[in-house]
Protein backbone atom coordinates (compact mmCIF):
# COMPACT_ATOMS: atom_id res chain seq x y z
CA MET A 1 109.56 88.28 96.26
CA ILE A 2 111.41 91.34 97.15
CA CYS A 3 111.44 91.80 101.07
CA ILE A 4 112.99 95.03 103.00
CA LEU A 5 113.91 94.55 106.20
CA GLY A 6 113.82 97.34 108.32
CA CYS A 7 116.97 96.62 111.02
CA LEU A 8 117.97 98.86 113.66
CA ASN A 9 121.59 98.86 113.73
CA THR A 10 122.62 97.90 117.04
CA GLU A 11 123.75 94.40 118.22
CA ASN A 12 120.52 93.43 119.55
CA GLY A 13 119.36 94.68 116.36
CA ASN A 14 121.88 92.56 113.75
CA LYS A 15 121.42 89.65 116.13
CA ILE A 16 117.58 89.84 115.17
CA LYS A 17 118.15 90.38 111.70
CA ASP A 18 120.07 87.16 111.14
CA GLU A 19 117.34 85.33 113.07
CA MET A 20 114.99 86.73 110.82
CA CYS A 21 117.39 86.17 107.61
CA SER A 22 117.41 82.44 108.34
CA TRP A 23 114.21 82.02 107.07
CA LEU A 24 113.43 84.95 104.93
CA ASN A 25 116.25 84.44 102.60
CA GLN A 26 114.61 81.02 101.73
CA GLU A 27 111.82 82.57 99.52
CA HIS A 28 112.68 86.03 99.56
CA ASN A 29 115.33 88.71 98.02
CA VAL A 30 116.12 90.23 101.07
CA PHE A 31 117.36 94.20 101.26
CA ILE A 32 118.60 95.26 104.57
CA SER A 33 117.56 99.09 105.66
CA TYR A 34 119.96 99.86 108.44
CA HIS A 35 118.68 102.81 110.71
CA ASP A 36 119.89 104.35 114.07
CA GLY A 37 116.04 104.48 115.26
CA SER A 38 115.80 108.44 115.08
CA LYS A 39 113.03 108.57 112.61
CA TYR A 40 111.43 105.20 114.22
CA GLU A 41 110.63 103.00 110.48
CA TYR A 42 110.21 106.27 108.75
CA PRO A 43 113.72 105.44 106.32
CA SER A 44 112.60 101.71 105.91
CA ILE A 45 109.20 102.33 104.70
CA LEU A 46 110.21 105.04 102.27
CA LYS A 47 112.65 102.51 100.63
CA VAL A 48 109.20 100.01 100.52
CA ILE A 49 107.15 102.70 98.38
CA HIS A 50 109.80 103.48 96.22
CA CYS A 51 110.96 100.14 95.59
CA SER A 52 106.93 98.86 94.97
CA ILE A 53 106.65 101.48 92.73
CA GLU A 54 109.86 101.51 90.40
CA LEU A 55 109.73 98.00 90.35
CA ASN A 56 106.22 97.42 89.84
CA GLU A 57 105.98 94.55 92.03
CA PRO A 58 104.45 93.72 95.63
CA VAL A 59 106.97 94.30 98.35
CA LEU A 60 107.30 92.76 101.82
CA TYR A 61 107.97 94.56 104.67
CA VAL A 62 108.98 93.51 108.19
CA HIS A 63 111.91 94.95 110.92
CA THR A 64 113.65 93.44 113.78
CA LYS A 65 110.78 93.33 116.17
CA GLY A 66 112.17 93.71 119.70
CA ALA A 67 115.26 95.31 119.09
CA TYR A 68 114.56 98.52 120.94
CA ASN A 69 112.67 96.94 123.71
CA SER A 70 113.15 93.49 124.21
CA VAL A 71 110.50 93.21 126.76
CA PRO A 72 107.89 95.39 126.12
CA LEU A 73 107.16 98.04 128.79
CA ASN A 74 103.83 97.64 128.81
CA TYR A 75 103.93 93.48 128.46
CA LYS A 76 102.00 93.46 131.99
CA THR A 77 98.85 95.09 131.06
CA SER A 78 98.69 93.90 127.29
CA MET A 79 100.49 91.10 126.11
CA MET A 80 100.85 89.13 129.28
CA ALA A 81 97.57 90.90 131.01
CA PRO A 82 95.07 88.46 133.11
CA ASP A 83 93.11 88.37 130.36
CA VAL A 84 95.54 86.55 127.93
CA ASN A 85 95.79 83.10 127.60
CA TYR A 86 99.47 82.75 126.95
CA PRO A 87 101.68 79.88 127.69
CA LYS A 88 102.97 79.50 131.60
CA GLU A 89 106.15 78.94 130.90
CA ALA A 90 106.58 82.03 128.51
CA LYS A 91 108.95 85.19 129.65
CA PRO A 92 108.41 88.80 128.79
CA GLU A 93 110.74 88.54 126.17
CA ASP A 94 108.67 86.32 124.21
CA CYS A 95 106.35 88.93 123.72
CA GLN A 96 108.46 90.10 120.57
CA LYS A 97 109.37 86.83 119.57
CA ILE A 98 106.05 85.31 118.80
CA VAL A 99 105.16 88.21 116.48
CA ARG A 100 108.68 87.09 114.40
CA ASN A 101 107.07 83.70 114.48
CA MET A 102 103.83 84.67 113.37
CA TRP A 103 105.77 86.63 110.47
CA LYS A 104 107.61 83.56 109.94
CA HIS A 105 104.30 81.77 109.77
CA GLU A 106 102.97 84.43 107.65
CA PHE A 107 105.27 85.16 105.19
CA SER A 108 106.18 82.22 103.77
CA GLY A 109 104.93 78.61 102.24
CA ASP A 110 101.53 78.26 100.96
CA ARG A 111 100.19 81.10 103.57
CA LEU A 112 102.58 83.56 101.59
CA LYS A 113 100.85 82.46 98.18
CA LEU A 114 97.38 83.32 100.05
CA TYR A 115 98.62 86.94 100.56
CA LEU A 116 100.37 87.45 97.13
CA ASP A 117 96.47 86.41 96.02
CA VAL A 118 95.23 88.96 97.92
CA VAL A 119 97.83 91.87 96.26
CA ASN A 120 97.44 90.63 92.73
CA THR A 121 95.14 93.68 91.68
CA ASP A 122 95.60 96.99 90.07
CA LYS A 123 93.26 98.28 92.70
CA PRO A 124 95.69 99.78 96.10
CA VAL A 125 95.66 96.91 98.52
CA VAL A 126 97.84 95.86 101.65
CA ALA A 127 97.65 92.54 102.89
CA CYS A 128 98.67 91.64 106.80
CA PRO A 129 98.09 89.40 109.33
CA LEU A 130 95.69 91.62 111.79
CA THR A 131 93.87 94.64 110.83
CA GLY A 132 90.26 96.12 111.83
CA LYS A 133 88.03 98.72 111.29
CA GLU A 134 90.68 101.57 111.32
CA LYS A 135 92.88 99.75 109.14
CA ILE A 136 95.79 99.47 111.42
CA THR A 137 98.59 97.04 110.17
CA TRP A 138 99.06 95.77 114.14
CA GLN A 139 103.07 95.12 114.31
CA ASN A 140 103.58 96.48 111.29
CA GLY A 141 104.65 93.39 108.84
CA TRP A 142 102.86 93.52 105.75
CA ILE A 143 103.09 93.28 102.12
CA ILE A 144 102.02 96.40 99.64
CA ASN A 145 100.93 96.65 95.86
CA PRO A 146 102.20 99.23 93.53
CA SER A 147 99.11 100.66 93.60
CA ALA A 148 98.44 101.08 97.24
CA ALA A 149 102.47 102.53 97.59
CA LYS A 150 101.46 105.10 95.05
CA GLU A 151 98.49 106.19 96.99
CA LEU A 152 100.49 106.26 100.54
CA LEU A 153 103.22 108.27 98.73
CA LYS A 154 100.53 111.39 98.68
CA THR A 155 100.22 111.28 102.51
CA TYR A 156 103.58 109.46 103.76
CA HIS A 157 105.84 111.45 106.21
CA PHE A 158 108.01 111.46 109.02
CA ASP A 159 106.03 111.56 112.13
CA ASN A 160 107.43 112.01 115.99
CA SER A 161 104.98 109.44 116.75
CA ARG A 162 106.06 105.75 116.35
CA TYR A 163 102.41 104.53 116.58
CA TYR A 164 101.68 106.54 112.95
CA TYR A 165 103.79 103.85 111.30
CA GLU A 166 100.95 101.34 112.23
CA GLN A 167 98.33 103.79 111.18
CA MET A 168 99.80 105.31 108.25
CA PHE A 169 96.81 103.59 105.87
CA ARG A 170 94.09 105.21 108.20
CA ASN A 171 93.36 108.31 105.98
CA THR A 172 94.01 107.04 102.69
CA ASN A 173 91.79 104.46 99.87
CA ILE A 174 94.43 102.02 100.44
CA ASN A 175 92.07 98.47 101.14
CA VAL A 176 94.20 96.98 104.32
CA ILE A 177 93.17 93.17 104.77
CA GLY A 178 94.09 90.69 107.37
CA LEU A 179 94.27 86.97 106.41
CA ILE A 180 94.33 86.43 110.25
CA SER A 181 91.67 88.80 111.53
CA ASN A 182 89.98 91.71 110.06
CA ASN A 183 88.51 92.66 113.88
CA ILE A 184 91.20 93.67 116.04
CA ASN A 185 89.93 97.09 116.60
CA ILE A 186 91.22 99.98 118.83
CA ASN A 187 88.77 100.31 121.18
CA ASN A 188 89.67 97.09 123.07
CA ASN A 189 92.61 98.73 125.11
CA LYS A 190 93.97 95.78 126.34
CA HIS A 191 93.79 94.15 122.77
CA SER A 192 93.48 90.63 124.45
CA ASP A 193 91.87 89.26 121.42
CA MET A 194 94.62 90.02 119.28
CA TRP A 195 97.49 88.63 121.98
CA ASN A 196 95.64 85.43 122.09
CA ILE A 197 96.19 84.87 118.30
CA ILE A 198 99.33 86.07 118.57
CA TRP A 199 100.63 83.60 121.50
CA LYS A 200 99.85 80.63 119.43
CA PHE A 201 102.84 81.02 117.46
CA TYR A 202 105.01 80.64 120.81
CA ASP A 203 107.45 78.06 120.68
CA LYS A 204 110.04 76.92 123.37
């Protein structure tokens, strides 16, 4: 299938791009959307929307997770908080890698087929690993179908808040479905339930 990979065009961003393409290229037609980070994920997602509409096909969106902050600023209170069951040998920079590992697991092989089944409908649907009642696409890797792309285009805009791009489906009639969990909700401030899931994709 078609994949748009948003790439922060820096040394670290291109290094992560190469890592991700090593598995993405095996099953996807990957197009790299280079950007300088000044507009966050806006330009890459806009390409996803137009691509899905014009080709009338579902499109996978992922990005070079960790390219801007190799170590998340809040890792001590979120990804590696005391109530999160993370491996003892894990390092702070692994907080970003495990998300990319999750995408590799979810968007390839038999798991990919499950996502494609979910978006194989005329109704507006987005399939992602983790979401909740607020329709946030946590970590922001997902597959969108053409109907959902048309709906998203009605409200999509550049926003100065980087969190908008995970939350942009909230005020739409797009159905967001989580294939790992539909119960990751914003009222859990530490999101320990989410990180306990993602740490399962850790490898040395």
